[in-house]
Every structure is written in C-alpha cells, then in structure tokens.
Protein backbone atom coordinates (compact mmCIF):
# COMPACT_ATOMS: atom_id res chain seq x y z
CA UNK A 1 -31.12 76.41 2.37
CA UNK A 2 -29.62 76.65 -1.49
CA UNK A 3 -26.95 74.16 -0.47
CA UNK A 4 -29.64 71.70 -0.70
CA UNK A 5 -29.53 71.80 -4.38
CA UNK A 6 -27.66 70.37 -6.87
CA UNK A 7 -24.96 71.54 -9.29
CA UNK A 8 -28.22 71.37 -11.65
CA UNK A 9 -31.63 72.53 -10.74
CA UNK A 10 -34.08 72.35 -13.58
CA UNK A 11 -33.22 70.72 -16.46
CA UNK A 12 -36.23 70.24 -19.65
CA UNK A 13 -35.10 69.64 -23.29
CA UNK A 14 -37.42 69.27 -26.70
CA UNK A 15 -38.11 69.64 -29.52
CA UNK A 16 -38.83 73.54 -31.43
CA UNK A 17 -42.69 74.73 -32.15
CA UNK A 18 -43.64 73.37 -36.08
CA UNK A 19 -42.26 74.46 -38.99
CA UNK A 20 -38.92 73.61 -37.20
CA UNK A 21 -37.83 70.73 -35.69
CA UNK A 22 -34.28 72.30 -34.48
CA UNK A 23 -33.52 70.15 -30.63
CA UNK A 24 -33.22 72.61 -27.07
CA UNK A 25 -32.64 71.87 -23.93
CA UNK A 26 -32.19 74.41 -20.92
CA UNK A 27 -30.39 73.72 -17.59
CA UNK A 28 -30.52 75.78 -14.71
CA UNK A 29 -27.08 75.51 -12.63
CA UNK A 30 -26.56 77.28 -9.57
CA UNK A 31 -25.42 79.55 -11.43
CA UNK A 32 -26.51 79.44 -14.74
CA UNK A 33 -28.78 79.90 -17.32
CA UNK A 34 -27.60 76.77 -20.39
CA UNK A 35 -29.31 77.15 -23.61
CA UNK A 36 -28.22 74.36 -26.26
CA UNK A 37 -29.73 74.24 -29.94
CA UNK A 38 -29.31 71.89 -32.17
CA UNK A 39 -30.26 72.64 -36.01
CA UNK A 40 -31.71 69.57 -37.85
CA UNK A 41 -31.93 70.43 -41.46
CA UNK A 42 -32.60 68.29 -44.69
CA UNK A 43 -30.18 71.91 -46.35
CA UNK A 44 -27.01 70.93 -47.14
CA UNK A 45 -25.56 74.22 -45.19
CA UNK A 46 -26.92 72.91 -41.56
CA UNK A 47 -25.20 69.02 -42.04
CA UNK A 48 -23.18 68.99 -39.32
CA UNK A 49 -23.21 72.63 -37.48
CA UNK A 50 -22.10 72.38 -34.33
CA UNK A 51 -24.55 72.69 -31.11
CA UNK A 52 -25.33 76.57 -30.55
CA UNK A 53 -24.44 77.17 -26.68
CA UNK A 54 -25.47 80.25 -24.66
CA UNK A 55 -24.45 80.11 -20.36
CA UNK A 56 -25.08 83.51 -19.01
CA UNK A 57 -25.29 84.50 -15.60
CA UNK A 58 -28.92 84.62 -13.38
CA UNK A 59 -29.46 87.82 -13.33
CA UNK A 60 -27.93 88.18 -17.16
CA UNK A 61 -30.91 86.15 -18.17
CA UNK A 62 -33.04 87.60 -16.15
CA UNK A 63 -32.77 90.96 -18.46
CA UNK A 64 -32.06 88.79 -21.49
CA UNK A 65 -35.99 89.44 -23.25
CA UNK A 66 -34.76 87.65 -26.45
CA UNK A 67 -33.47 84.81 -24.86
CA UNK A 68 -36.23 84.42 -22.33
CA UNK A 69 -38.64 84.83 -26.35
CA UNK A 70 -36.64 82.19 -27.07
CA UNK A 71 -37.76 79.96 -23.89
CA UNK A 72 -41.58 80.37 -24.43
CA UNK A 73 -41.51 80.05 -27.48
CA UNK A 74 -40.19 76.55 -27.23
CA UNK A 75 -41.51 75.31 -24.43
CA UNK A 76 -44.31 78.03 -23.16
CA UNK A 77 -44.76 80.77 -20.55
CA UNK A 78 -44.93 77.91 -17.76
CA UNK A 79 -41.74 77.46 -18.48
CA UNK A 80 -40.50 80.65 -19.06
CA UNK A 81 -42.22 81.99 -15.60
CA UNK A 82 -40.58 79.04 -13.22
CA UNK A 83 -36.82 79.36 -15.12
CA UNK A 84 -37.27 83.18 -13.92
CA UNK A 85 -38.47 82.25 -10.45
CA UNK A 86 -35.32 79.65 -10.33
CA UNK A 87 -33.02 82.70 -11.37
CA UNK A 88 -34.69 85.28 -8.37
CA UNK A 89 -33.36 82.18 -5.69
CA UNK A 90 -36.57 81.22 -5.43
CA UNK A 91 -36.41 77.66 -5.06
CA UNK A 92 -39.63 75.10 -4.83
CA UNK A 93 -37.48 72.64 -1.74
CA UNK A 94 -40.35 70.15 -1.10
CA UNK A 95 -41.32 69.65 -5.08
CA UNK A 96 -37.64 69.27 -5.32
CA UNK A 97 -37.81 65.77 -3.20
CA UNK A 98 -37.20 62.63 -3.69
CA UNK A 99 -40.46 60.22 -3.60
CA UNK A 100 -39.36 58.25 -0.35
CA UNK A 101 -39.07 61.53 1.37
CA UNK A 102 -42.75 63.28 0.56
CA UNK A 103 -43.96 59.26 1.10
CA UNK A 104 -42.43 59.29 4.62
CA UNK A 105 -44.20 62.74 4.98
CA UNK A 106 -47.28 61.94 3.68
CA UNK A 107 -47.13 59.33 5.44
CA UNK A 108 -48.44 61.91 9.08
CA UNK A 109 -51.54 63.50 6.88
CA UNK A 110 -54.39 63.03 7.90
CA UNK A 111 -56.12 61.42 5.06
CA UNK A 112 -58.80 64.38 4.10
CA UNK A 113 -55.09 66.73 3.07
CA UNK A 114 -53.55 64.46 1.16
CA UNK A 115 -56.06 64.59 -1.26
CA UNK A 116 -56.05 68.30 -0.62
CA UNK A 117 -52.14 68.29 -0.88
CA UNK A 118 -53.09 65.55 -4.27
CA UNK A 119 -54.63 68.78 -6.19
CA UNK A 120 -51.31 70.88 -6.55
CA UNK A 121 -50.12 69.30 -8.93
CA UNK A 122 -49.58 67.05 -11.30
CA UNK A 123 -46.66 64.89 -8.85
CA UNK A 124 -48.27 65.18 -5.19
CA UNK A 125 -51.80 63.60 -7.78
CA UNK A 126 -49.45 60.65 -9.49
CA UNK A 127 -47.76 60.36 -5.55
CA UNK A 128 -51.22 60.42 -3.46
CA UNK A 129 -52.68 57.85 -5.33
CA UNK A 130 -49.88 55.97 -5.90
CA UNK A 131 -49.82 51.96 -5.05
CA UNK A 132 -46.34 53.06 -2.57
CA UNK A 133 -48.74 55.76 -0.76
CA UNK A 134 -51.79 54.41 -0.41
CA UNK A 135 -49.66 50.33 0.78
CA UNK A 136 -48.11 53.02 3.13
CA UNK A 137 -51.33 53.56 3.99
CA UNK A 138 -53.15 50.16 4.89
CA UNK A 139 -50.22 49.33 6.85
CA UNK A 140 -49.09 52.19 8.59
CA UNK A 141 -52.92 53.56 9.41
CA UNK A 142 -55.51 49.94 9.65
CA UNK A 143 -55.54 48.23 12.48
CA UNK A 144 -56.88 44.80 11.34
CA UNK A 145 -54.36 44.34 8.06
CA UNK A 146 -52.59 40.87 8.64
CA UNK A 147 -50.01 39.40 6.39
CA UNK A 148 -53.06 37.66 5.97
CA UNK A 149 -54.52 39.95 4.04
CA UNK A 150 -51.57 40.89 2.39
CA UNK A 151 -51.55 38.86 -0.62
CA UNK A 152 -55.72 40.61 -0.93
CA UNK A 153 -53.36 43.51 -1.22
CA UNK A 154 -50.76 42.38 -3.25
CA UNK A 155 -53.63 41.52 -5.76
CA UNK A 156 -56.55 44.01 -5.31
CA UNK A 157 -54.39 46.73 -5.39
CA UNK A 158 -53.67 48.28 -1.88
CA UNK A 159 -56.13 50.73 -2.84
CA UNK A 160 -59.07 49.05 -3.14
CA UNK A 161 -58.29 46.62 0.06
CA UNK A 162 -58.38 50.26 1.49
CA UNK A 163 -62.16 50.91 1.44
CA UNK A 164 -62.89 47.70 1.24
CA UNK A 165 -61.80 46.75 4.88
CA UNK A 166 -60.80 49.66 5.85
CA UNK A 167 -62.69 53.25 4.93
CA UNK A 168 -65.36 53.37 7.45
CA UNK A 169 -62.63 52.53 10.82
CA UNK A 170 -60.94 55.05 9.90
CA UNK A 171 -63.70 57.93 9.43
CA UNK A 172 -64.85 56.62 12.34
CA UNK A 173 -61.16 57.26 13.70
CA UNK A 174 -60.65 60.58 13.06
CA UNK A 175 -64.28 61.43 13.99
C-alpha cells in the first residue's frame, strides 16, 4: 500500500521554542527525513547565514537521538512519535485520504458510528461536523427532502435542518 503515498509523506514547520527565534521545517519523504533550520537573529555574524539542512534515511533517523531531541524540543513529543512511526513504516492511510473520499465512506456509516468516529481525531471531528457532511446526510438519508427545502437548508444550515425536520424519523428507521 505504500505506493498510494506521494513522495512527501509529512511536513511541518514552525518557530523554535523561546528564547530562540529560529525557524524549523521537518519533512518526511518515502525514504528520507529532512530537517531544515533557519537562524533568525539580529546579530551581525548570523546575518545572511544559509539555512542548515540535514538529510538522512529513515533507518538512520531512528538511531539519531540528538536529532530526535531537537524535533521533540521544537514540535513536541507527539510529532516525534509520529515521525518515528513513519520511519518504521507505520502509515495511517485512512488519515491521509482526501476529504471527499472520507465523506463518501462516512455516507455508508450509521449516524451513531459517525459520532464515535468524530472522537478519533481533530480531523474526523471537523469532517463529521462539517456542512458538507450534513448536506450529504440530509440529501442521501432523509426521505421527504425536497428541492423546496434546499433554500431552507442553505439559509438555516444543513445540520440544523436535519435535527429540525428529519432527526426523529431517522431514529425510528435505525431501530
């Protein structure tokens, strides 16, 4: 399944922890970990300094404790753990799918299951509460939805429309 991944698997960038103002970028590709840093300083000796870049294969990163500590200091333990998992070949394919495909998958789930899925991650919570999800829910699951109601749903919001007009009938249908 690794063929489903693009060349770049993950990328994050941000400013280092205080008091430093340095800027960092971590990129994970299929084969390498790339760590870039830019020195941000008013000191004359650092002006015009080129960015620093380290490239290493995944196996080497797993044994490079100093770089791991630096990633942890800049981006935190969660990002370090995720980076290590990626270097070990543990890819989360579901999390990498585009929103359109995930919405299509959600359309096959019961609403109570989407409620549970929304608790899995920030991305799934955002997706399960999105207007696109609720529009899809109303259009595909609610008998009695008519084109006349589309204007109401657009003005009121698709989620509110679902709970105002269709919620009770969908509960009876699921039982």
